[in-house]
Amino acid sequence: MIAIRKLAALSGMLVLGVLGGCASGPQSLYYWDGYQQQVYQRFDSKSSTEEQIAALEASVQKARAADRTLPPGFHAHLGMLYADVGKLDQVRQQFETEKALYPESATYMDFLMRKFDK
């Protein structure tokens, strides 16, 4: 009788462990944290450029704290926002970061940097 109770308890724990492991689901490859909404806000003019920059900078900090990677285009987008407010040194920094993280963007980032160097 005691062996049956132990077996039942062990089976119950096993089922809960399997179900608990499935509940979290797979983790996204990138740390999005509202990035898509920020892209839309760039074009709908519901928030200022400074507010958008602040929101993206906060996302950078959260991603670093969680040791997560920001999605492709994130740093390029942030660089374009910096360009809108005239922070050209930060434009270059964001474009260089985008290029380093996503080498496939190098041609476009180089094009944009040449544009802002003029």
PDB file of N, CA and C in Angstrom:
ATOM      1  N   MET A   1       0.819  -1.188   0.000  1.00  0.00           N
ATOM      2  CA  MET A   1       0.000   0.000   0.000  1.00  0.00           C
ATOM      3  C   MET A   1       0.868   1.259   0.000  1.00  0.00           C
ATOM      4  N   ILE A   2       1.911   1.277   0.809  1.00  0.00           N
ATOM      5  CA  ILE A   2       2.808   2.431   0.868  1.00  0.00           C
ATOM      6  C   ILE A   2       3.522   2.610  -0.468  1.00  0.00           C
ATOM      7  N   ALA A   3       3.913   1.518  -1.112  1.00  0.00           N
ATOM      8  CA  ALA A   3       4.597   1.585  -2.406  1.00  0.00           C
ATOM      9  C   ALA A   3       3.677   2.187  -3.464  1.00  0.00           C
ATOM     10  N   ILE A   4       2.394   1.877  -3.411  1.00  0.00           N
ATOM     11  CA  ILE A   4       1.436   2.416  -4.381  1.00  0.00           C
ATOM     12  C   ILE A   4       1.285   3.917  -4.191  1.00  0.00           C
ATOM     13  N   ARG A   5       1.228   4.354  -2.920  1.00  0.00           N
ATOM     14  CA  ARG A   5       1.109   5.788  -2.635  1.00  0.00           C
ATOM     15  C   ARG A   5       2.347   6.535  -3.124  1.00  0.00           C
ATOM     16  N   LYS A   6       3.524   5.952  -2.889  1.00  0.00           N
ATOM     17  CA  LYS A   6       4.764   6.587  -3.343  1.00  0.00           C
ATOM     18  C   LYS A   6       4.792   6.662  -4.865  1.00  0.00           C
ATOM     19  N   LEU A   7       4.367   5.606  -5.531  1.00  0.00           N
ATOM     20  CA  LEU A   7       4.334   5.572  -6.991  1.00  0.00           C
ATOM     21  C   LEU A   7       3.350   6.615  -7.525  1.00  0.00           C
ATOM     22  N   ALA A   8       2.203   6.731  -6.877  1.00  0.00           N
ATOM     23  CA  ALA A   8       1.196   7.717  -7.297  1.00  0.00           C
ATOM     24  C   ALA A   8       1.725   9.141  -7.096  1.00  0.00           C
ATOM     25  N   ALA A   9       2.375   9.373  -5.974  1.00  0.00           N
ATOM     26  CA  ALA A   9       2.938  10.698  -5.702  1.00  0.00           C
ATOM     27  C   ALA A   9       4.034  11.037  -6.713  1.00  0.00           C
ATOM     28  N   LEU A  10       4.900  10.073  -7.009  1.00  0.00           N
ATOM     29  CA  LEU A  10       5.966  10.270  -7.977  1.00  0.00           C
ATOM     30  C   LEU A  10       5.396  10.533  -9.362  1.00  0.00           C
ATOM     31  N   SER A  11       4.361   9.806  -9.743  1.00  0.00           N
ATOM     32  CA  SER A  11       3.708  10.015 -11.037  1.00  0.00           C
ATOM     33  C   SER A  11       3.097  11.408 -11.114  1.00  0.00           C
ATOM     34  N   GLY A  12       2.462  11.831 -10.046  1.00  0.00           N
ATOM     35  CA  GLY A  12       1.865  13.170  -9.996  1.00  0.00           C
ATOM     36  C   GLY A  12       2.911  14.261 -10.138  1.00  0.00           C
ATOM     37  N   MET A  13       4.045  14.076  -9.465  1.00  0.00           N
ATOM     38  CA  MET A  13       5.120  15.065  -9.554  1.00  0.00           C
ATOM     39  C   MET A  13       5.685  15.111 -10.971  1.00  0.00           C
ATOM     40  N   LEU A  14       5.809  13.961 -11.594  1.00  0.00           N
ATOM     41  CA  LEU A  14       6.321  13.888 -12.952  1.00  0.00           C
ATOM     42  C   LEU A  14       5.393  14.617 -13.924  1.00  0.00           C
ATOM     43  N   VAL A  15       4.096  14.398 -13.792  1.00  0.00           N
ATOM     44  CA  VAL A  15       3.117  15.067 -14.654  1.00  0.00           C
ATOM     45  C   VAL A  15       3.167  16.573 -14.443  1.00  0.00           C
ATOM     46  N   LEU A  16       3.215  17.022 -13.206  1.00  0.00           N
ATOM     47  CA  LEU A  16       3.284  18.459 -12.922  1.00  0.00           C
ATOM     48  C   LEU A  16       4.577  19.069 -13.471  1.00  0.00           C
ATOM     49  N   GLY A  17       5.654  18.337 -13.357  1.00  0.00           N
ATOM     50  CA  GLY A  17       6.928  18.830 -13.887  1.00  0.00           C
ATOM     51  C   GLY A  17       6.897  18.986 -15.391  1.00  0.00           C
ATOM     52  N   VAL A  18       6.320  18.033 -16.077  1.00  0.00           N
ATOM     53  CA  VAL A  18       6.218  18.108 -17.535  1.00  0.00           C
ATOM     54  C   VAL A  18       5.294  19.254 -17.933  1.00  0.00           C
ATOM     55  N   LEU A  19       4.136  19.365 -17.281  1.00  0.00           N
ATOM     56  CA  LEU A  19       3.204  20.439 -17.604  1.00  0.00           C
ATOM     57  C   LEU A  19       3.785  21.802 -17.268  1.00  0.00           C
ATOM     58  N   GLY A  20       4.489  21.911 -16.197  1.00  0.00           N
ATOM     59  CA  GLY A  20       5.119  23.174 -15.819  1.00  0.00           C
ATOM     60  C   GLY A  20       6.182  23.595 -16.803  1.00  0.00           C
ATOM     61  N   GLY A  21       6.913  22.638 -17.320  1.00  0.00           N
ATOM     62  CA  GLY A  21       7.949  22.943 -18.312  1.00  0.00           C
ATOM     63  C   GLY A  21       7.356  23.419 -19.615  1.00  0.00           C
ATOM     64  N   CYS A  22       6.203  22.929 -19.967  1.00  0.00           N
ATOM     65  CA  CYS A  22       5.546  23.322 -21.214  1.00  0.00           C
ATOM     66  C   CYS A  22       4.853  24.677 -21.095  1.00  0.00           C
ATOM     67  N   ALA A  23       4.520  25.078 -19.908  1.00  0.00           N
ATOM     68  CA  ALA A  23       3.751  26.296 -19.721  1.00  0.00           C
ATOM     69  C   ALA A  23       4.516  27.546 -20.143  1.00  0.00           C
ATOM     70  N   SER A  24       5.823  27.546 -19.999  1.00  0.00           N
ATOM     71  CA  SER A  24       6.583  28.750 -20.319  1.00  0.00           C
ATOM     72  C   SER A  24       6.724  28.961 -21.817  1.00  0.00           C
ATOM     73  N   GLY A  25       6.680  27.926 -22.619  1.00  0.00           N
ATOM     74  CA  GLY A  25       6.773  28.037 -24.070  1.00  0.00           C
ATOM     75  C   GLY A  25       8.167  28.427 -24.516  1.00  0.00           C
ATOM     76  N   PRO A  26       8.390  28.441 -25.807  1.00  0.00           N
ATOM     77  CA  PRO A  26       9.708  28.796 -26.313  1.00  0.00           C
ATOM     78  C   PRO A  26       9.972  30.294 -26.175  1.00  0.00           C
ATOM     79  N   GLN A  27      11.225  30.633 -25.989  1.00  0.00           N
ATOM     80  CA  GLN A  27      11.618  32.028 -25.843  1.00  0.00           C
ATOM     81  C   GLN A  27      11.940  32.595 -27.226  1.00  0.00           C
ATOM     82  N   SER A  28      11.513  33.809 -27.480  1.00  0.00           N
ATOM     83  CA  SER A  28      11.771  34.467 -28.754  1.00  0.00           C
ATOM     84  C   SER A  28      13.273  34.662 -28.945  1.00  0.00           C
ATOM     85  N   LEU A  29      13.699  34.611 -30.182  1.00  0.00           N
ATOM     86  CA  LEU A  29      15.110  34.796 -30.498  1.00  0.00           C
ATOM     87  C   LEU A  29      15.582  36.204 -30.142  1.00  0.00           C
ATOM     88  N   TYR A  30      14.682  37.187 -30.300  1.00  0.00           N
ATOM     89  CA  TYR A  30      15.042  38.589 -30.050  1.00  0.00           C
ATOM     90  C   TYR A  30      14.189  39.181 -28.935  1.00  0.00           C
ATOM     91  N   TYR A  31      14.704  40.239 -28.338  1.00  0.00           N
ATOM     92  CA  TYR A  31      14.001  40.965 -27.286  1.00  0.00           C
ATOM     93  C   TYR A  31      13.259  42.128 -27.948  1.00  0.00           C
ATOM     94  N   TRP A  32      11.957  41.959 -28.186  1.00  0.00           N
ATOM     95  CA  TRP A  32      11.193  42.948 -28.935  1.00  0.00           C
ATOM     96  C   TRP A  32      10.731  44.105 -28.059  1.00  0.00           C
ATOM     97  N   ASP A  33      10.210  43.868 -26.882  1.00  0.00           N
ATOM     98  CA  ASP A  33       9.804  44.882 -25.900  1.00  0.00           C
ATOM     99  C   ASP A  33       9.158  46.127 -26.515  1.00  0.00           C
ATOM    100  N   GLY A  34       8.130  45.943 -27.296  1.00  0.00           N
ATOM    101  CA  GLY A  34       7.407  47.091 -27.837  1.00  0.00           C
ATOM    102  C   GLY A  34       8.056  47.761 -29.030  1.00  0.00           C
ATOM    103  N   TYR A  35       9.082  47.152 -29.592  1.00  0.00           N
ATOM    104  CA  TYR A  35       9.774  47.766 -30.734  1.00  0.00           C
ATOM    105  C   TYR A  35       8.825  47.990 -31.909  1.00  0.00           C
ATOM    106  N   GLN A  36       7.951  47.036 -32.198  1.00  0.00           N
ATOM    107  CA  GLN A  36       7.034  47.191 -33.316  1.00  0.00           C
ATOM    108  C   GLN A  36       6.153  48.432 -33.139  1.00  0.00           C
ATOM    109  N   GLN A  37       5.663  48.654 -31.928  1.00  0.00           N
ATOM    110  CA  GLN A  37       4.833  49.824 -31.661  1.00  0.00           C
ATOM    111  C   GLN A  37       5.630  51.112 -31.854  1.00  0.00           C
ATOM    112  N   GLN A  38       6.908  51.084 -31.505  1.00  0.00           N
ATOM    113  CA  GLN A  38       7.749  52.270 -31.694  1.00  0.00           C
ATOM    114  C   GLN A  38       7.920  52.591 -33.170  1.00  0.00           C
ATOM    115  N   VAL A  39       8.038  51.572 -33.993  1.00  0.00           N
ATOM    116  CA  VAL A  39       8.153  51.801 -35.436  1.00  0.00           C
ATOM    117  C   VAL A  39       6.884  52.467 -35.953  1.00  0.00           C
ATOM    118  N   TYR A  40       5.720  51.979 -35.541  1.00  0.00           N
ATOM    119  CA  TYR A  40       4.464  52.589 -35.969  1.00  0.00           C
ATOM    120  C   TYR A  40       4.348  54.025 -35.469  1.00  0.00           C
ATOM    121  N   GLN A  41       4.787  54.269 -34.247  1.00  0.00           N
ATOM    122  CA  GLN A  41       4.692  55.617 -33.695  1.00  0.00           C
ATOM    123  C   GLN A  41       5.554  56.605 -34.467  1.00  0.00           C
ATOM    124  N   ARG A  42       6.598  56.122 -35.068  1.00  0.00           N
ATOM    125  CA  ARG A  42       7.466  56.991 -35.885  1.00  0.00           C
ATOM    126  C   ARG A  42       6.671  57.613 -37.020  1.00  0.00           C
ATOM    127  N   PHE A  43       5.692  56.884 -37.530  1.00  0.00           N
ATOM    128  CA  PHE A  43       4.949  57.338 -38.689  1.00  0.00           C
ATOM    129  C   PHE A  43       3.575  57.908 -38.382  1.00  0.00           C
ATOM    130  N   ASP A  44       3.058  57.682 -37.181  1.00  0.00           N
ATOM    131  CA  ASP A  44       1.719  58.209 -36.887  1.00  0.00           C
ATOM    132  C   ASP A  44       1.747  59.512 -36.088  1.00  0.00           C
ATOM    133  N   SER A  45       2.915  59.962 -35.687  1.00  0.00           N
ATOM    134  CA  SER A  45       3.107  61.256 -35.013  1.00  0.00           C
ATOM    135  C   SER A  45       2.315  61.407 -33.725  1.00  0.00           C
ATOM    136  N   LYS A  46       2.014  60.301 -33.054  1.00  0.00           N
ATOM    137  CA  LYS A  46       1.299  60.395 -31.781  1.00  0.00           C
ATOM    138  C   LYS A  46       2.240  60.644 -30.606  1.00  0.00           C
ATOM    139  N   SER A  47       3.536  60.446 -30.820  1.00  0.00           N
ATOM    140  CA  SER A  47       4.503  60.737 -29.765  1.00  0.00           C
ATOM    141  C   SER A  47       5.681  61.470 -30.390  1.00  0.00           C
ATOM    142  N   SER A  48       6.365  62.237 -29.568  1.00  0.00           N
ATOM    143  CA  SER A  48       7.491  63.017 -30.078  1.00  0.00           C
ATOM    144  C   SER A  48       8.694  62.109 -30.333  1.00  0.00           C
ATOM    145  N   THR A  49       9.608  62.616 -31.125  1.00  0.00           N
ATOM    146  CA  THR A  49      10.830  61.866 -31.407  1.00  0.00           C
ATOM    147  C   THR A  49      11.593  61.584 -30.118  1.00  0.00           C
ATOM    148  N   GLU A  50      11.626  62.547 -29.212  1.00  0.00           N
ATOM    149  CA  GLU A  50      12.327  62.369 -27.943  1.00  0.00           C
ATOM    150  C   GLU A  50      11.683  61.254 -27.111  1.00  0.00           C
ATOM    151  N   GLU A  51      10.358  61.178 -27.123  1.00  0.00           N
ATOM    152  CA  GLU A  51       9.657  60.106 -26.393  1.00  0.00           C
ATOM    153  C   GLU A  51       9.979  58.743 -26.995  1.00  0.00           C
ATOM    154  N   GLN A  52      10.046  58.683 -28.320  1.00  0.00           N
ATOM    155  CA  GLN A  52      10.371  57.432 -28.992  1.00  0.00           C
ATOM    156  C   GLN A  52      11.804  57.006 -28.675  1.00  0.00           C
ATOM    157  N   ILE A  53      12.725  57.970 -28.665  1.00  0.00           N
ATOM    158  CA  ILE A  53      14.117  57.666 -28.321  1.00  0.00           C
ATOM    159  C   ILE A  53      14.195  57.134 -26.896  1.00  0.00           C
ATOM    160  N   ALA A  54      13.501  57.795 -25.981  1.00  0.00           N
ATOM    161  CA  ALA A  54      13.514  57.366 -24.574  1.00  0.00           C
ATOM    162  C   ALA A  54      12.970  55.943 -24.431  1.00  0.00           C
ATOM    163  N   ALA A  55      11.909  55.626 -25.162  1.00  0.00           N
ATOM    164  CA  ALA A  55      11.328  54.288 -25.079  1.00  0.00           C
ATOM    165  C   ALA A  55      12.306  53.241 -25.625  1.00  0.00           C
ATOM    166  N   LEU A  56      12.970  53.537 -26.732  1.00  0.00           N
ATOM    167  CA  LEU A  56      13.925  52.588 -27.298  1.00  0.00           C
ATOM    168  C   LEU A  56      15.168  52.452 -26.426  1.00  0.00           C
ATOM    169  N   GLU A  57      15.631  53.557 -25.843  1.00  0.00           N
ATOM    170  CA  GLU A  57      16.776  53.471 -24.920  1.00  0.00           C
ATOM    171  C   GLU A  57      16.429  52.619 -23.705  1.00  0.00           C
ATOM    172  N   ALA A  58      15.194  52.739 -23.232  1.00  0.00           N
ATOM    173  CA  ALA A  58      14.756  51.894 -22.104  1.00  0.00           C
ATOM    174  C   ALA A  58      14.752  50.423 -22.524  1.00  0.00           C
ATOM    175  N   SER A  59      14.352  50.146 -23.757  1.00  0.00           N
ATOM    176  CA  SER A  59      14.373  48.771 -24.259  1.00  0.00           C
ATOM    177  C   SER A  59      15.795  48.235 -24.334  1.00  0.00           C
ATOM    178  N   VAL A  60      16.738  49.082 -24.707  1.00  0.00           N
ATOM    179  CA  VAL A  60      18.150  48.670 -24.750  1.00  0.00           C
ATOM    180  C   VAL A  60      18.604  48.244 -23.357  1.00  0.00           C
ATOM    181  N   GLN A  61      18.264  49.036 -22.351  1.00  0.00           N
ATOM    182  CA  GLN A  61      18.657  48.720 -20.977  1.00  0.00           C
ATOM    183  C   GLN A  61      18.016  47.420 -20.496  1.00  0.00           C
ATOM    184  N   LYS A  62      16.730  47.234 -20.806  1.00  0.00           N
ATOM    185  CA  LYS A  62      16.040  46.010 -20.399  1.00  0.00           C
ATOM    186  C   LYS A  62      16.644  44.788 -21.084  1.00  0.00           C
ATOM    187  N   ALA A  63      16.966  44.926 -22.358  1.00  0.00           N
ATOM    188  CA  ALA A  63      17.564  43.806 -23.096  1.00  0.00           C
ATOM    189  C   ALA A  63      18.923  43.442 -22.513  1.00  0.00           C
ATOM    190  N   ARG A  64      19.710  44.450 -22.190  1.00  0.00           N
ATOM    191  CA  ARG A  64      21.024  44.184 -21.576  1.00  0.00           C
ATOM    192  C   ARG A  64      20.864  43.500 -20.231  1.00  0.00           C
ATOM    193  N   ALA A  65      19.921  43.980 -19.435  1.00  0.00           N
ATOM    194  CA  ALA A  65      19.697  43.394 -18.109  1.00  0.00           C
ATOM    195  C   ALA A  65      19.246  41.937 -18.216  1.00  0.00           C
ATOM    196  N   ALA A  66      18.487  41.624 -19.266  1.00  0.00           N
ATOM    197  CA  ALA A  66      17.996  40.256 -19.457  1.00  0.00           C
ATOM    198  C   ALA A  66      18.951  39.422 -20.316  1.00  0.00           C
ATOM    199  N   ASP A  67      20.068  40.012 -20.716  1.00  0.00           N
ATOM    200  CA  ASP A  67      21.056  39.352 -21.582  1.00  0.00           C
ATOM    201  C   ASP A  67      20.390  38.818 -22.849  1.00  0.00           C
ATOM    202  N   ARG A  68      19.625  39.692 -23.498  1.00  0.00           N
ATOM    203  CA  ARG A  68      18.882  39.335 -24.715  1.00  0.00           C
ATOM    204  C   ARG A  68      19.362  40.186 -25.878  1.00  0.00           C
ATOM    205  N   THR A  69      19.120  39.719 -27.073  1.00  0.00           N
ATOM    206  CA  THR A  69      19.526  40.397 -28.296  1.00  0.00           C
ATOM    207  C   THR A  69      18.354  41.193 -28.855  1.00  0.00           C
ATOM    208  N   LEU A  70      18.617  42.433 -29.232  1.00  0.00           N
ATOM    209  CA  LEU A  70      17.588  43.246 -29.859  1.00  0.00           C
ATOM    210  C   LEU A  70      17.429  42.820 -31.319  1.00  0.00           C
ATOM    211  N   PRO A  71      16.242  43.032 -31.898  1.00  0.00           N
ATOM    212  CA  PRO A  71      15.984  42.532 -33.248  1.00  0.00           C
ATOM    213  C   PRO A  71      16.715  43.324 -34.331  1.00  0.00           C
ATOM    214  N   PRO A  72      16.841  42.726 -35.502  1.00  0.00           N
ATOM    215  CA  PRO A  72      17.437  43.446 -36.629  1.00  0.00           C
ATOM    216  C   PRO A  72      16.650  44.722 -36.918  1.00  0.00           C
ATOM    217  N   GLY A  73      17.359  45.777 -37.227  1.00  0.00           N
ATOM    218  CA  GLY A  73      16.735  47.056 -37.536  1.00  0.00           C
ATOM    219  C   GLY A  73      16.557  47.961 -36.339  1.00  0.00           C
ATOM    220  N   PHE A  74      16.658  47.417 -35.144  1.00  0.00           N
ATOM    221  CA  PHE A  74      16.426  48.210 -33.930  1.00  0.00           C
ATOM    222  C   PHE A  74      17.402  49.381 -33.850  1.00  0.00           C
ATOM    223  N   HIS A  75      18.693  49.096 -33.977  1.00  0.00           N
ATOM    224  CA  HIS A  75      19.699  50.158 -33.839  1.00  0.00           C
ATOM    225  C   HIS A  75      19.657  51.117 -35.029  1.00  0.00           C
ATOM    226  N   ALA A  76      19.324  50.614 -36.209  1.00  0.00           N
ATOM    227  CA  ALA A  76      19.171  51.491 -37.374  1.00  0.00           C
ATOM    228  C   ALA A  76      18.013  52.464 -37.147  1.00  0.00           C
ATOM    229  N   HIS A  77      16.917  51.949 -36.612  1.00  0.00           N
ATOM    230  CA  HIS A  77      15.756  52.790 -36.323  1.00  0.00           C
ATOM    231  C   HIS A  77      16.104  53.849 -35.274  1.00  0.00           C
ATOM    232  N   LEU A  78      16.786  53.430 -34.230  1.00  0.00           N
ATOM    233  CA  LEU A  78      17.192  54.375 -33.198  1.00  0.00           C
ATOM    234  C   LEU A  78      18.133  55.427 -33.780  1.00  0.00           C
ATOM    235  N   GLY A  79      19.028  55.008 -34.657  1.00  0.00           N
ATOM    236  CA  GLY A  79      19.928  55.959 -35.321  1.00  0.00           C
ATOM    237  C   GLY A  79      19.173  56.982 -36.140  1.00  0.00           C
ATOM    238  N   MET A  80      18.137  56.553 -36.839  1.00  0.00           N
ATOM    239  CA  MET A  80      17.329  57.498 -37.624  1.00  0.00           C
ATOM    240  C   MET A  80      16.603  58.487 -36.714  1.00  0.00           C
ATOM    241  N   LEU A  81      16.156  58.029 -35.557  1.00  0.00           N
ATOM    242  CA  LEU A  81      15.525  58.947 -34.604  1.00  0.00           C
ATOM    243  C   LEU A  81      16.535  59.965 -34.094  1.00  0.00           C
ATOM    244  N   TYR A  82      17.756  59.515 -33.805  1.00  0.00           N
ATOM    245  CA  TYR A  82      18.803  60.446 -33.379  1.00  0.00           C
ATOM    246  C   TYR A  82      19.091  61.470 -34.474  1.00  0.00           C
ATOM    247  N   ALA A  83      19.031  61.046 -35.721  1.00  0.00           N
ATOM    248  CA  ALA A  83      19.253  61.975 -36.834  1.00  0.00           C
ATOM    249  C   ALA A  83      18.186  63.073 -36.846  1.00  0.00           C
ATOM    250  N   ASP A  84      16.959  62.698 -36.511  1.00  0.00           N
ATOM    251  CA  ASP A  84      15.870  63.680 -36.494  1.00  0.00           C
ATOM    252  C   ASP A  84      16.095  64.779 -35.465  1.00  0.00           C
ATOM    253  N   VAL A  85      16.802  64.464 -34.388  1.00  0.00           N
ATOM    254  CA  VAL A  85      17.040  65.470 -33.347  1.00  0.00           C
ATOM    255  C   VAL A  85      18.459  66.049 -33.429  1.00  0.00           C
ATOM    256  N   GLY A  86      19.217  65.677 -34.470  1.00  0.00           N
ATOM    257  CA  GLY A  86      20.527  66.278 -34.705  1.00  0.00           C
ATOM    258  C   GLY A  86      21.680  65.712 -33.899  1.00  0.00           C
ATOM    259  N   LYS A  87      21.529  64.517 -33.335  1.00  0.00           N
ATOM    260  CA  LYS A  87      22.615  63.897 -32.566  1.00  0.00           C
ATOM    261  C   LYS A  87      23.420  62.984 -33.489  1.00  0.00           C
ATOM    262  N   LEU A  88      24.231  63.598 -34.363  1.00  0.00           N
ATOM    263  CA  LEU A  88      24.908  62.857 -35.418  1.00  0.00           C
ATOM    264  C   LEU A  88      25.941  61.866 -34.902  1.00  0.00           C
ATOM    265  N   ASP A  89      26.589  62.152 -33.758  1.00  0.00           N
ATOM    266  CA  ASP A  89      27.545  61.190 -33.205  1.00  0.00           C
ATOM    267  C   ASP A  89      26.837  59.905 -32.780  1.00  0.00           C
ATOM    268  N   GLN A  90      25.633  60.037 -32.247  1.00  0.00           N
ATOM    269  CA  GLN A  90      24.875  58.857 -31.835  1.00  0.00           C
ATOM    270  C   GLN A  90      24.269  58.136 -33.043  1.00  0.00           C
ATOM    271  N   VAL A  91      24.022  58.869 -34.123  1.00  0.00           N
ATOM    272  CA  VAL A  91      23.553  58.232 -35.359  1.00  0.00           C
ATOM    273  C   VAL A  91      24.599  57.230 -35.819  1.00  0.00           C
ATOM    274  N   ARG A  92      25.836  57.692 -35.927  1.00  0.00           N
ATOM    275  CA  ARG A  92      26.928  56.820 -36.383  1.00  0.00           C
ATOM    276  C   ARG A  92      27.098  55.633 -35.434  1.00  0.00           C
ATOM    277  N   GLN A  93      27.044  55.868 -34.138  1.00  0.00           N
ATOM    278  CA  GLN A  93      27.209  54.789 -33.161  1.00  0.00           C
ATOM    279  C   GLN A  93      26.135  53.712 -33.353  1.00  0.00           C
ATOM    280  N   GLN A  94      24.891  54.128 -33.540  1.00  0.00           N
ATOM    281  CA  GLN A  94      23.799  53.157 -33.715  1.00  0.00           C
ATOM    282  C   GLN A  94      23.938  52.401 -35.035  1.00  0.00           C
ATOM    283  N   PHE A  95      24.343  53.097 -36.087  1.00  0.00           N
ATOM    284  CA  PHE A  95      24.529  52.424 -37.380  1.00  0.00           C
ATOM    285  C   PHE A  95      25.682  51.432 -37.310  1.00  0.00           C
ATOM    286  N   GLU A  96      26.749  51.796 -36.616  1.00  0.00           N
ATOM    287  CA  GLU A  96      27.881  50.872 -36.457  1.00  0.00           C
ATOM    288  C   GLU A  96      27.469  49.646 -35.638  1.00  0.00           C
ATOM    289  N   THR A  97      26.654  49.855 -34.614  1.00  0.00           N
ATOM    290  CA  THR A  97      26.166  48.744 -33.798  1.00  0.00           C
ATOM    291  C   THR A  97      25.303  47.811 -34.638  1.00  0.00           C
ATOM    292  N   GLU A  98      24.408  48.385 -35.438  1.00  0.00           N
ATOM    293  CA  GLU A  98      23.554  47.572 -36.318  1.00  0.00           C
ATOM    294  C   GLU A  98      24.415  46.743 -37.272  1.00  0.00           C
ATOM    295  N   LYS A  99      25.412  47.385 -37.830  1.00  0.00           N
ATOM    296  CA  LYS A  99      26.298  46.718 -38.789  1.00  0.00           C
ATOM    297  C   LYS A  99      27.087  45.585 -38.121  1.00  0.00           C
ATOM    298  N   ALA A 100      27.532  45.808 -36.895  1.00  0.00           N
ATOM    299  CA  ALA A 100      28.300  44.780 -36.179  1.00  0.00           C
ATOM    300  C   ALA A 100      27.424  43.587 -35.797  1.00  0.00           C
ATOM    301  N   LEU A 101      26.197  43.855 -35.360  1.00  0.00           N
ATOM    302  CA  LEU A 101      25.303  42.776 -34.943  1.00  0.00           C
ATOM    303  C   LEU A 101      24.722  42.013 -36.130  1.00  0.00           C
ATOM    304  N   TYR A 102      24.490  42.718 -37.214  1.00  0.00           N
ATOM    305  CA  TYR A 102      23.854  42.123 -38.392  1.00  0.00           C
ATOM    306  C   TYR A 102      24.665  42.493 -39.636  1.00  0.00           C
ATOM    307  N   PRO A 103      25.731  41.742 -39.915  1.00  0.00           N
ATOM    308  CA  PRO A 103      26.624  42.062 -41.031  1.00  0.00           C
ATOM    309  C   PRO A 103      25.912  42.173 -42.382  1.00  0.00           C
ATOM    310  N   GLU A 104      24.779  41.515 -42.522  1.00  0.00           N
ATOM    311  CA  GLU A 104      24.049  41.613 -43.785  1.00  0.00           C
ATOM    312  C   GLU A 104      23.515  43.026 -44.031  1.00  0.00           C
ATOM    313  N   SER A 105      23.500  43.864 -42.997  1.00  0.00           N
ATOM    314  CA  SER A 105      23.040  45.250 -43.141  1.00  0.00           C
ATOM    315  C   SER A 105      24.180  46.208 -43.476  1.00  0.00           C
ATOM    316  N   ALA A 106      25.399  45.714 -43.599  1.00  0.00           N
ATOM    317  CA  ALA A 106      26.578  46.576 -43.757  1.00  0.00           C
ATOM    318  C   ALA A 106      26.470  47.524 -44.948  1.00  0.00           C
ATOM    319  N   THR A 107      26.034  47.033 -46.082  1.00  0.00           N
ATOM    320  CA  THR A 107      25.953  47.883 -47.270  1.00  0.00           C
ATOM    321  C   THR A 107      24.994  49.047 -47.037  1.00  0.00           C
ATOM    322  N   TYR A 108      23.844  48.755 -46.474  1.00  0.00           N
ATOM    323  CA  TYR A 108      22.864  49.804 -46.222  1.00  0.00           C
ATOM    324  C   TYR A 108      23.332  50.758 -45.122  1.00  0.00           C
ATOM    325  N   MET A 109      23.911  50.223 -44.062  1.00  0.00           N
ATOM    326  CA  MET A 109      24.402  51.088 -42.987  1.00  0.00           C
ATOM    327  C   MET A 109      25.524  52.002 -43.501  1.00  0.00           C
ATOM    328  N   ASP A 110      26.417  51.469 -44.328  1.00  0.00           N
ATOM    329  CA  ASP A 110      27.475  52.300 -44.917  1.00  0.00           C
ATOM    330  C   ASP A 110      26.878  53.400 -45.780  1.00  0.00           C
ATOM    331  N   PHE A 111      25.851  53.056 -46.555  1.00  0.00           N
ATOM    332  CA  PHE A 111      25.160  54.050 -47.383  1.00  0.00           C
ATOM    333  C   PHE A 111      24.588  55.167 -46.510  1.00  0.00           C
ATOM    334  N   LEU A 112      23.896  54.795 -45.431  1.00  0.00           N
ATOM    335  CA  LEU A 112      23.312  55.790 -44.548  1.00  0.00           C
ATOM    336  C   LEU A 112      24.379  56.635 -43.860  1.00  0.00           C
ATOM    337  N   MET A 113      25.464  56.010 -43.443  1.00  0.00           N
ATOM    338  CA  MET A 113      26.523  56.787 -42.785  1.00  0.00           C
ATOM    339  C   MET A 113      27.140  57.797 -43.749  1.00  0.00           C
ATOM    340  N   ARG A 114      27.322  57.399 -45.005  1.00  0.00           N
ATOM    341  CA  ARG A 114      27.839  58.369 -45.996  1.00  0.00           C
ATOM    342  C   ARG A 114      26.859  59.532 -46.164  1.00  0.00           C
ATOM    343  N   LYS A 115      25.586  59.232 -46.146  1.00  0.00           N
ATOM    344  CA  LYS A 115      24.556  60.254 -46.298  1.00  0.00           C
ATOM    345  C   LYS A 115      24.635  61.270 -45.148  1.00  0.00           C
ATOM    346  N   PHE A 116      24.856  60.775 -43.929  1.00  0.00           N
ATOM    347  CA  PHE A 116      24.885  61.661 -42.771  1.00  0.00           C
ATOM    348  C   PHE A 116      26.242  62.332 -42.585  1.00  0.00           C
ATOM    349  N   ASP A 117      27.266  61.825 -43.250  1.00  0.00           N
ATOM    350  CA  ASP A 117      28.588  62.452 -43.161  1.00  0.00           C
ATOM    351  C   ASP A 117      28.654  63.721 -44.011  1.00  0.00           C
ATOM    352  N   LYS A 118      27.734  63.854 -44.956  1.00  0.00           N
ATOM    353  CA  LYS A 118      27.754  65.034 -45.859  1.00  0.00           C
ATOM    354  C   LYS A 118      27.284  66.270 -45.159  1.00  0.00           C
TER     355      LYS A 118
END
